[in-house]
Amino acid sequence: MAGFCSKCGAQVVPGAYVCSACGTPIAAAPPAAVPVPPPVPPRQGSSALKIVLIILAIFVGLGILGAGAVGFIAWRAAHAIRMAANGEKMSLNLPGGSFSAGGGESFSASDLGTDIYPGASQIKDGSMRMTLPTGTMVSAGYLTSDSKDQVVAFYKNKFGSANTTAFDSADGSVITYAKSQQESVVVTVTTSPSQYGGKTQIRIVHTTSAKSS
């Protein structure tokens, strides 16, 4: 569309940069706004399923190998799902097995592969139980008013020095006990002033493998 010069009023040819009558520069029209598509909303509920599938893939692929790392990843994934934060329980029926997390399920010493620390109370979140043709994994958390060092000493004394490794730091300790080539127990002991009123947290992961050595 043709315009007019703001100085002399002469008609300006479309696309011209100056007025042909007086030479006054013609201001360029502002570019049209390009519409920006709205962001795609994230798919709800997909992250929890992905986490569960990752747990299963790691467990099936590694079996009993790296039980400590697998147990820690599995607990973190179950905790991230946050199903137990509001008392819910998530269960999956799998070919030849099952997976469940949350719900405040109770565990026995046999389930955990070791004794529960005396007087400790179970944490309602972060618990899980998984059964597959390749093996099983059970994880549960507990709280105690005793110090981290007292809890660590209890489990080190119970497991003994044979087939036991321990990693200690200022933030916590990880004790791994290989009961056999097909079975292991990992106990993680931590203390944080910002969590659970500063009480000592105990996480036990019991892993068994159906594969023979």
Protein backbone atom coordinates (compact mmCIF):
# COMPACT_ATOMS: atom_id res chain seq x y z
CA MET A 1 0.00 0.00 0.00
CA ALA A 2 1.34 3.45 -1.02
CA GLY A 3 2.00 6.03 1.71
CA PHE A 4 2.59 9.77 1.91
CA CYS A 5 5.64 11.78 2.86
CA SER A 6 5.41 13.20 6.37
CA LYS A 7 7.19 16.41 5.29
CA CYS A 8 5.77 17.42 1.91
CA GLY A 9 2.71 15.17 1.66
CA ALA A 10 3.71 13.68 -1.71
CA GLN A 11 2.70 10.10 -2.47
CA VAL A 12 5.47 7.64 -1.80
CA VAL A 13 6.03 4.57 -3.96
CA PRO A 14 5.79 1.32 -1.95
CA GLY A 15 9.25 0.07 -1.02
CA ALA A 16 10.93 3.49 -1.45
CA TYR A 17 13.45 4.59 1.15
CA VAL A 18 13.23 8.36 0.40
CA CYS A 19 10.53 10.71 -0.87
CA SER A 20 10.94 11.27 -4.63
CA ALA A 21 9.69 14.86 -4.24
CA CYS A 22 11.75 16.24 -1.33
CA GLY A 23 14.24 13.46 -0.49
CA THR A 24 13.06 12.97 3.08
CA PRO A 25 13.89 9.46 4.39
CA ILE A 26 10.88 7.23 4.74
CA ALA A 27 10.57 5.36 8.04
CA ALA A 28 10.37 1.62 7.56
CA ALA A 29 7.19 -0.06 8.74
CA PRO A 30 7.63 -2.27 11.78
CA PRO A 31 7.89 -5.97 10.95
CA ALA A 32 4.82 -8.05 11.55
CA ALA A 33 4.83 -9.96 14.78
CA VAL A 34 5.48 -13.64 14.39
CA PRO A 35 3.10 -15.70 16.52
CA VAL A 36 4.86 -17.93 19.03
CA PRO A 37 3.24 -21.31 19.57
CA PRO A 38 2.30 -22.06 23.18
CA PRO A 39 4.63 -24.42 25.05
CA VAL A 40 3.67 -28.06 24.99
CA PRO A 41 2.54 -29.09 28.49
CA PRO A 42 4.48 -31.99 30.01
CA ARG A 43 2.79 -35.34 29.97
CA GLN A 44 1.58 -36.11 33.45
CA GLY A 45 2.29 -39.52 34.94
CA SER A 46 4.98 -40.47 32.43
CA SER A 47 7.97 -39.72 34.69
CA ALA A 48 6.96 -42.27 37.34
CA LEU A 49 6.60 -45.01 34.74
CA LYS A 50 10.00 -44.14 33.22
CA ILE A 51 11.62 -44.34 36.65
CA VAL A 52 10.14 -47.77 37.29
CA LEU A 53 11.27 -49.01 33.88
CA ILE A 54 14.80 -47.74 34.57
CA ILE A 55 14.85 -49.66 37.86
CA LEU A 56 13.76 -52.84 36.15
CA ALA A 57 16.24 -52.44 33.29
CA ILE A 58 19.15 -51.93 35.67
CA PHE A 59 18.17 -54.86 37.86
CA VAL A 60 17.63 -57.25 34.96
CA GLY A 61 20.81 -56.15 33.19
CA LEU A 62 23.16 -56.26 36.18
CA GLY A 63 21.56 -58.87 38.41
CA ILE A 64 23.48 -59.13 41.66
CA LEU A 65 26.49 -57.21 40.31
CA GLY A 66 26.85 -53.76 41.80
CA ALA A 67 24.18 -54.41 44.39
CA GLY A 68 25.07 -51.35 46.42
CA ALA A 69 24.77 -48.96 43.50
CA VAL A 70 21.62 -50.64 42.21
CA GLY A 71 20.02 -50.52 45.64
CA PHE A 72 20.80 -46.84 46.09
CA ILE A 73 19.45 -45.96 42.63
CA ALA A 74 16.34 -48.03 43.25
CA TRP A 75 15.64 -46.32 46.55
CA ARG A 76 16.19 -42.87 45.06
CA ALA A 77 13.83 -43.67 42.22
CA ALA A 78 11.16 -44.98 44.57
CA HIS A 79 11.58 -41.91 46.73
CA ALA A 80 11.34 -39.62 43.69
CA ILE A 81 7.99 -41.12 42.75
CA ARG A 82 6.75 -39.69 46.06
CA MET A 83 3.80 -42.06 46.14
CA ALA A 84 4.20 -42.66 49.85
CA ALA A 85 4.19 -38.96 50.76
CA ASN A 86 0.39 -39.00 50.86
CA GLY A 87 -0.06 -42.60 51.98
CA GLU A 88 -0.60 -44.06 48.52
CA LYS A 89 0.85 -47.29 47.26
CA MET A 90 1.91 -48.05 43.71
CA SER A 91 1.89 -51.62 42.47
CA LEU A 92 2.76 -53.16 39.12
CA ASN A 93 2.17 -56.72 38.02
CA LEU A 94 5.04 -57.84 35.80
CA PRO A 95 5.60 -60.97 33.73
CA GLY A 96 6.93 -63.41 36.30
CA GLY A 97 7.09 -60.81 39.07
CA SER A 98 5.82 -57.64 40.71
CA PHE A 99 6.87 -54.18 41.90
CA SER A 100 5.39 -52.13 44.75
CA ALA A 101 6.43 -48.87 46.42
CA GLY A 102 5.06 -46.75 49.24
CA GLY A 103 2.10 -47.48 51.43
CA GLY A 104 4.08 -47.96 54.63
CA GLU A 105 4.47 -51.72 54.16
CA SER A 106 6.09 -53.50 57.12
CA PHE A 107 9.22 -55.58 56.62
CA SER A 108 10.70 -58.37 58.70
CA ALA A 109 14.38 -59.08 59.35
CA SER A 110 14.08 -61.93 56.85
CA ASP A 111 12.78 -59.52 54.20
CA LEU A 112 15.69 -57.14 54.81
CA GLY A 113 18.39 -59.78 55.20
CA THR A 114 19.46 -58.32 58.55
CA ASP A 115 18.03 -57.13 61.85
CA ILE A 116 16.25 -53.79 62.09
CA TYR A 117 18.15 -51.41 64.35
CA PRO A 118 16.78 -51.79 67.92
CA GLY A 119 14.11 -49.22 68.72
CA ALA A 120 14.12 -47.70 65.21
CA SER A 121 10.78 -46.63 63.70
CA GLN A 122 9.98 -47.21 60.04
CA ILE A 123 9.79 -44.28 57.62
CA LYS A 124 6.55 -44.47 55.67
CA ASP A 125 8.05 -43.23 52.41
CA GLY A 126 10.82 -44.75 50.33
CA SER A 127 9.91 -48.40 50.88
CA MET A 128 9.79 -50.78 47.94
CA ARG A 129 9.61 -54.47 47.08
CA MET A 130 10.48 -55.96 43.69
CA THR A 131 10.32 -59.58 42.58
CA LEU A 132 11.55 -60.76 39.19
CA PRO A 133 12.60 -64.07 37.66
CA THR A 134 16.20 -62.85 38.03
CA GLY A 135 15.91 -62.08 41.75
CA THR A 136 14.40 -59.84 44.39
CA MET A 137 15.03 -56.45 45.96
CA VAL A 138 13.58 -55.02 49.17
CA SER A 139 14.25 -51.52 50.50
CA ALA A 140 13.02 -49.80 53.66
CA GLY A 141 13.93 -46.77 55.77
CA TYR A 142 14.03 -46.26 59.53
CA LEU A 143 14.67 -43.49 62.06
CA THR A 144 16.43 -43.56 65.41
CA SER A 145 17.49 -41.00 67.99
CA ASP A 146 20.86 -42.77 68.38
CA SER A 147 23.88 -41.24 66.68
CA LYS A 148 25.15 -42.24 63.25
CA ASP A 149 28.26 -43.77 64.82
CA GLN A 150 26.17 -45.99 67.10
CA VAL A 151 24.14 -47.31 64.17
CA VAL A 152 27.22 -47.89 62.02
CA ALA A 153 28.96 -49.75 64.87
CA PHE A 154 25.87 -51.95 65.34
CA TYR A 155 25.80 -53.13 61.72
CA LYS A 156 29.57 -53.49 61.38
CA ASN A 157 29.57 -55.70 64.47
CA LYS A 158 26.62 -57.72 63.15
CA PHE A 159 28.10 -58.26 59.67
CA GLY A 160 31.67 -58.87 60.84
CA SER A 161 34.75 -58.03 58.83
CA ALA A 162 34.56 -60.88 56.32
CA ASN A 163 32.83 -59.97 53.05
CA THR A 164 31.99 -56.51 54.43
CA THR A 165 33.06 -53.16 53.02
CA ALA A 166 32.32 -49.74 54.47
CA PHE A 167 32.52 -46.22 53.14
CA ASP A 168 32.46 -43.45 55.74
CA SER A 169 32.14 -39.70 55.25
CA ALA A 170 31.06 -36.70 57.27
CA ASP A 171 27.55 -36.93 55.80
CA GLY A 172 26.98 -40.65 56.17
CA SER A 173 28.18 -44.23 55.88
CA VAL A 174 27.46 -47.08 53.47
CA ILE A 175 28.02 -50.64 54.67
CA THR A 176 27.86 -53.47 52.12
CA TYR A 177 27.67 -57.06 53.26
CA ALA A 178 27.97 -59.84 50.67
CA LYS A 179 26.20 -62.73 52.36
CA SER A 180 26.90 -64.91 49.32
CA GLN A 181 27.49 -64.55 45.60
CA GLN A 182 23.73 -64.38 45.16
CA GLU A 183 22.76 -62.21 48.14
CA SER A 184 23.85 -58.87 49.57
CA VAL A 185 22.71 -56.27 52.10
CA VAL A 186 23.49 -52.56 51.86
CA VAL A 187 22.90 -50.28 54.86
CA THR A 188 23.11 -46.52 54.37
CA VAL A 189 23.25 -44.38 57.52
CA THR A 190 22.88 -40.59 57.30
CA THR A 191 22.05 -37.65 59.53
CA SER A 192 20.69 -34.30 58.34
CA PRO A 193 19.56 -31.46 60.63
CA SER A 194 16.96 -30.43 58.03
CA GLN A 195 15.31 -33.85 57.74
CA TYR A 196 13.24 -35.84 60.22
CA GLY A 197 14.11 -33.54 63.09
CA GLY A 198 17.80 -34.36 62.82
CA LYS A 199 17.29 -38.05 63.65
CA THR A 200 19.59 -40.68 62.17
CA GLN A 201 18.21 -42.21 58.98
CA ILE A 202 18.79 -45.87 58.13
CA ARG A 203 18.16 -47.29 54.66
CA ILE A 204 18.42 -51.05 54.16
CA VAL A 205 18.48 -52.66 50.72
CA HIS A 206 18.40 -56.45 50.47
CA THR A 207 19.18 -57.91 47.04
CA THR A 208 19.07 -61.55 45.99
CA SER A 209 19.81 -63.13 42.66
CA ALA A 210 18.27 -66.26 41.22
CA LYS A 211 21.36 -66.82 39.07
CA SER A 212 23.74 -69.47 40.31
CA SER A 213 27.46 -68.76 40.34
